[in-house]
């Protein structure tokens, strides 16, 4: 981790280690590969896991961004891609964290069960700015649909981001911006 313009610069390759030292309120710039998944995708991922199958991307050391990006305008990799309300994924999140998911990106608070799973697994919850999907889109360098294409904007996408501005909402030692 380094500092850039007063923010902590974190690459996804080091997110598991970074999660141990990041604290609620830290401003970060995230770079690397992240995956989008919203409600419908989470239901399908849970069904795959229930069937003993692998999810569409490796959970260990990964980050899920709770977003359903709009189609890309000409010349850009993605349209608006602001965060959705994270609590809608709370029913699925502890299981994913227990399987190695390291970071989640969204907006709003999380349930006590999710907060405990974050602590138990040394993970981190990162907050994106709600209502600023165009700002988030500026950090996206490439997009690839990797699963559940029939879900349209809610399909699982592999995003490569650079300097995605985020705030640590909940850290692995119990710190939270939401209480």
Protein backbone atom coordinates (compact mmCIF):
# COMPACT_ATOMS: atom_id res chain seq x y z
CA UNK A 1 0.00 0.00 0.00
CA UNK A 2 1.12 3.50 -0.79
CA UNK A 3 -0.36 6.95 -0.37
CA UNK A 4 -1.60 8.95 -3.35
CA UNK A 5 -3.16 12.41 -3.04
CA UNK A 6 -3.83 11.80 0.65
CA UNK A 7 -5.55 8.47 0.01
CA UNK A 8 -4.33 4.95 0.56
CA UNK A 9 -3.63 3.25 -2.77
CA UNK A 10 -4.54 -0.45 -2.66
CA UNK A 11 -4.20 -3.03 -5.44
CA UNK A 12 -6.50 -6.05 -5.41
CA UNK A 13 -3.46 -8.34 -5.38
CA UNK A 14 -2.77 -7.05 -1.85
CA UNK A 15 -6.34 -6.63 -0.59
CA UNK A 16 -6.21 -9.55 1.86
CA UNK A 17 -3.16 -8.07 3.58
CA UNK A 18 -4.47 -4.51 3.31
CA UNK A 19 -7.79 -5.49 4.92
CA UNK A 20 -5.90 -6.22 8.14
CA UNK A 21 -4.70 -2.61 8.46
CA UNK A 22 -7.46 -0.56 6.84
CA UNK A 23 -9.76 1.17 9.33
CA UNK A 24 -13.25 2.61 9.12
CA UNK A 25 -13.03 6.09 7.65
CA UNK A 26 -9.88 5.48 5.61
CA UNK A 27 -10.06 6.90 2.09
CA UNK A 28 -8.65 4.53 -0.50
CA UNK A 29 -8.03 4.30 -4.22
CA UNK A 30 -8.62 0.71 -5.35
CA UNK A 31 -7.04 -0.76 -8.49
CA UNK A 32 -7.22 -4.21 -10.07
CA UNK A 33 -9.92 -6.76 -10.85
CA UNK A 34 -13.29 -6.63 -9.08
CA UNK A 35 -16.59 -8.36 -9.87
CA UNK A 36 -20.11 -6.96 -10.00
CA UNK A 37 -23.00 -8.93 -8.50
CA UNK A 38 -26.41 -7.81 -7.28
CA UNK A 39 -29.45 -9.59 -5.85
CA UNK A 40 -30.25 -11.95 -8.72
CA UNK A 41 -26.61 -12.91 -9.26
CA UNK A 42 -26.18 -13.59 -5.53
CA UNK A 43 -29.18 -15.95 -5.62
CA UNK A 44 -27.64 -17.85 -8.52
CA UNK A 45 -24.22 -18.00 -6.88
CA UNK A 46 -25.86 -19.40 -3.72
CA UNK A 47 -27.66 -22.02 -5.83
CA UNK A 48 -24.37 -23.05 -7.46
CA UNK A 49 -22.74 -23.40 -4.04
CA UNK A 50 -25.73 -25.41 -2.76
CA UNK A 51 -25.21 -27.80 -5.71
CA UNK A 52 -21.52 -28.18 -4.85
CA UNK A 53 -20.45 -26.19 -7.92
CA UNK A 54 -17.92 -23.40 -8.18
CA UNK A 55 -19.01 -19.76 -8.35
CA UNK A 56 -18.30 -17.91 -11.62
CA UNK A 57 -15.18 -16.25 -10.17
CA UNK A 58 -12.72 -17.15 -7.41
CA UNK A 59 -13.99 -15.86 -4.07
CA UNK A 60 -10.68 -15.99 -2.20
CA UNK A 61 -9.04 -12.58 -2.26
CA UNK A 62 -11.78 -11.08 -4.42
CA UNK A 63 -14.07 -8.08 -4.14
CA UNK A 64 -17.73 -7.92 -5.13
CA UNK A 65 -19.09 -4.55 -6.19
CA UNK A 66 -22.84 -4.34 -5.63
CA UNK A 67 -23.63 -2.59 -8.90
CA UNK A 68 -25.60 -3.08 -12.09
CA UNK A 69 -23.79 -0.90 -14.63
CA UNK A 70 -25.67 0.70 -17.49
CA UNK A 71 -24.62 0.00 -21.09
CA UNK A 72 -21.48 1.72 -22.28
CA UNK A 73 -21.80 4.81 -24.44
CA UNK A 74 -19.67 4.90 -27.58
CA UNK A 75 -15.98 5.03 -26.81
CA UNK A 76 -16.24 4.12 -23.11
CA UNK A 77 -15.91 0.73 -21.41
CA UNK A 78 -18.99 1.20 -19.20
CA UNK A 79 -21.94 3.47 -18.49
CA UNK A 80 -22.95 4.69 -15.05
CA UNK A 81 -22.03 2.15 -12.37
CA UNK A 82 -23.00 3.45 -8.98
CA UNK A 83 -23.46 1.22 -5.94
CA UNK A 84 -26.72 -0.40 -4.90
CA UNK A 85 -27.90 -0.83 -1.32
CA UNK A 86 -25.64 -3.46 0.23
CA UNK A 87 -28.08 -4.73 2.85
CA UNK A 88 -30.04 -6.50 0.10
CA UNK A 89 -27.12 -8.95 -0.17
CA UNK A 90 -26.77 -9.50 3.60
CA UNK A 91 -28.51 -12.88 3.56
CA UNK A 92 -25.78 -14.22 1.22
CA UNK A 93 -22.72 -12.36 2.49
CA UNK A 94 -21.56 -14.31 5.59
CA UNK A 95 -21.33 -17.51 3.55
CA UNK A 96 -19.30 -15.81 0.82
CA UNK A 97 -16.97 -14.26 3.39
CA UNK A 98 -16.50 -17.65 5.05
CA UNK A 99 -15.52 -19.01 1.62
CA UNK A 100 -12.80 -16.39 1.20
CA UNK A 101 -14.41 -13.24 -0.19
CA UNK A 102 -12.22 -10.40 1.07
CA UNK A 103 -13.99 -7.17 0.15
CA UNK A 104 -17.43 -5.87 -0.70
CA UNK A 105 -18.19 -2.50 -2.27
CA UNK A 106 -21.58 -0.85 -1.93
CA UNK A 107 -23.51 1.74 0.02
CA UNK A 108 -25.26 1.81 3.37
CA UNK A 109 -24.94 -0.19 6.56
CA UNK A 110 -24.75 -3.95 7.03
CA UNK A 111 -26.46 -6.41 9.37
CA UNK A 112 -24.85 -7.57 12.63
CA UNK A 113 -24.29 -11.01 11.01
CA UNK A 114 -22.34 -9.43 8.14
CA UNK A 115 -20.32 -7.25 10.53
CA UNK A 116 -19.39 -10.34 12.55
CA UNK A 117 -18.43 -12.26 9.38
CA UNK A 118 -16.23 -9.34 8.28
CA UNK A 119 -14.46 -9.43 11.64
CA UNK A 120 -14.21 -13.24 11.74
CA UNK A 121 -12.70 -13.42 8.25
CA UNK A 122 -10.43 -10.37 8.30
CA UNK A 123 -12.38 -8.78 5.47
CA UNK A 124 -13.38 -5.20 4.68
CA UNK A 125 -16.52 -3.39 3.52
CA UNK A 126 -15.83 -0.46 1.22
CA UNK A 127 -18.31 2.30 0.42
CA UNK A 128 -18.74 3.96 -2.94
CA UNK A 129 -20.51 7.27 -3.36
CA UNK A 130 -24.23 6.76 -3.94
CA UNK A 131 -25.69 8.84 -6.75
CA UNK A 132 -22.32 9.28 -8.41
CA UNK A 133 -22.29 6.40 -10.89
CA UNK A 134 -20.56 8.54 -13.50
CA UNK A 135 -17.68 9.13 -11.06
CA UNK A 136 -17.33 5.39 -10.43
CA UNK A 137 -17.39 4.73 -14.18
CA UNK A 138 -14.32 6.95 -14.63
CA UNK A 139 -12.25 4.39 -12.71
CA UNK A 140 -13.28 1.46 -14.95
CA UNK A 141 -10.72 0.51 -17.59
CA UNK A 142 -12.35 -2.65 -18.98
CA UNK A 143 -15.50 -4.76 -18.59
CA UNK A 144 -16.27 -8.38 -19.40
CA UNK A 145 -19.52 -10.25 -18.71
CA UNK A 146 -18.46 -13.56 -17.15
CA UNK A 147 -21.74 -15.11 -15.93
CA UNK A 148 -25.52 -14.93 -16.05
CA UNK A 149 -25.64 -12.81 -19.21
CA UNK A 150 -29.43 -13.21 -19.27
CA UNK A 151 -29.62 -10.93 -16.21
CA UNK A 152 -28.61 -7.92 -18.32
CA UNK A 153 -27.25 -5.14 -16.13
CA UNK A 154 -27.28 -7.57 -13.18
CA UNK A 155 -25.02 -10.11 -14.91
CA UNK A 156 -21.70 -10.82 -13.20
CA UNK A 157 -19.02 -8.65 -14.75
CA UNK A 158 -15.27 -8.62 -14.38
CA UNK A 159 -14.14 -5.00 -14.07
CA UNK A 160 -10.60 -3.72 -14.18
CA UNK A 161 -10.51 -0.51 -12.14
CA UNK A 162 -7.83 2.08 -11.54
CA UNK A 163 -7.89 4.47 -8.59
CA UNK A 164 -11.54 3.74 -7.72
CA UNK A 165 -12.30 6.19 -4.86
CA UNK A 166 -13.78 4.40 -1.83
CA UNK A 167 -14.12 4.82 1.93
CA UNK A 168 -13.70 1.97 4.42
CA UNK A 169 -17.16 1.56 5.94
CA UNK A 170 -16.55 -1.48 8.16
CA UNK A 171 -13.14 -2.85 9.09
CA UNK A 172 -11.96 -6.22 10.38
CA UNK A 173 -11.62 -5.08 14.00
CA UNK A 174 -15.21 -3.94 14.36
CA UNK A 175 -14.84 -0.30 13.36
CA UNK A 176 -17.84 1.06 11.48
CA UNK A 177 -19.02 4.34 10.03
CA UNK A 178 -22.60 3.17 10.60
CA UNK A 179 -22.91 3.35 14.38
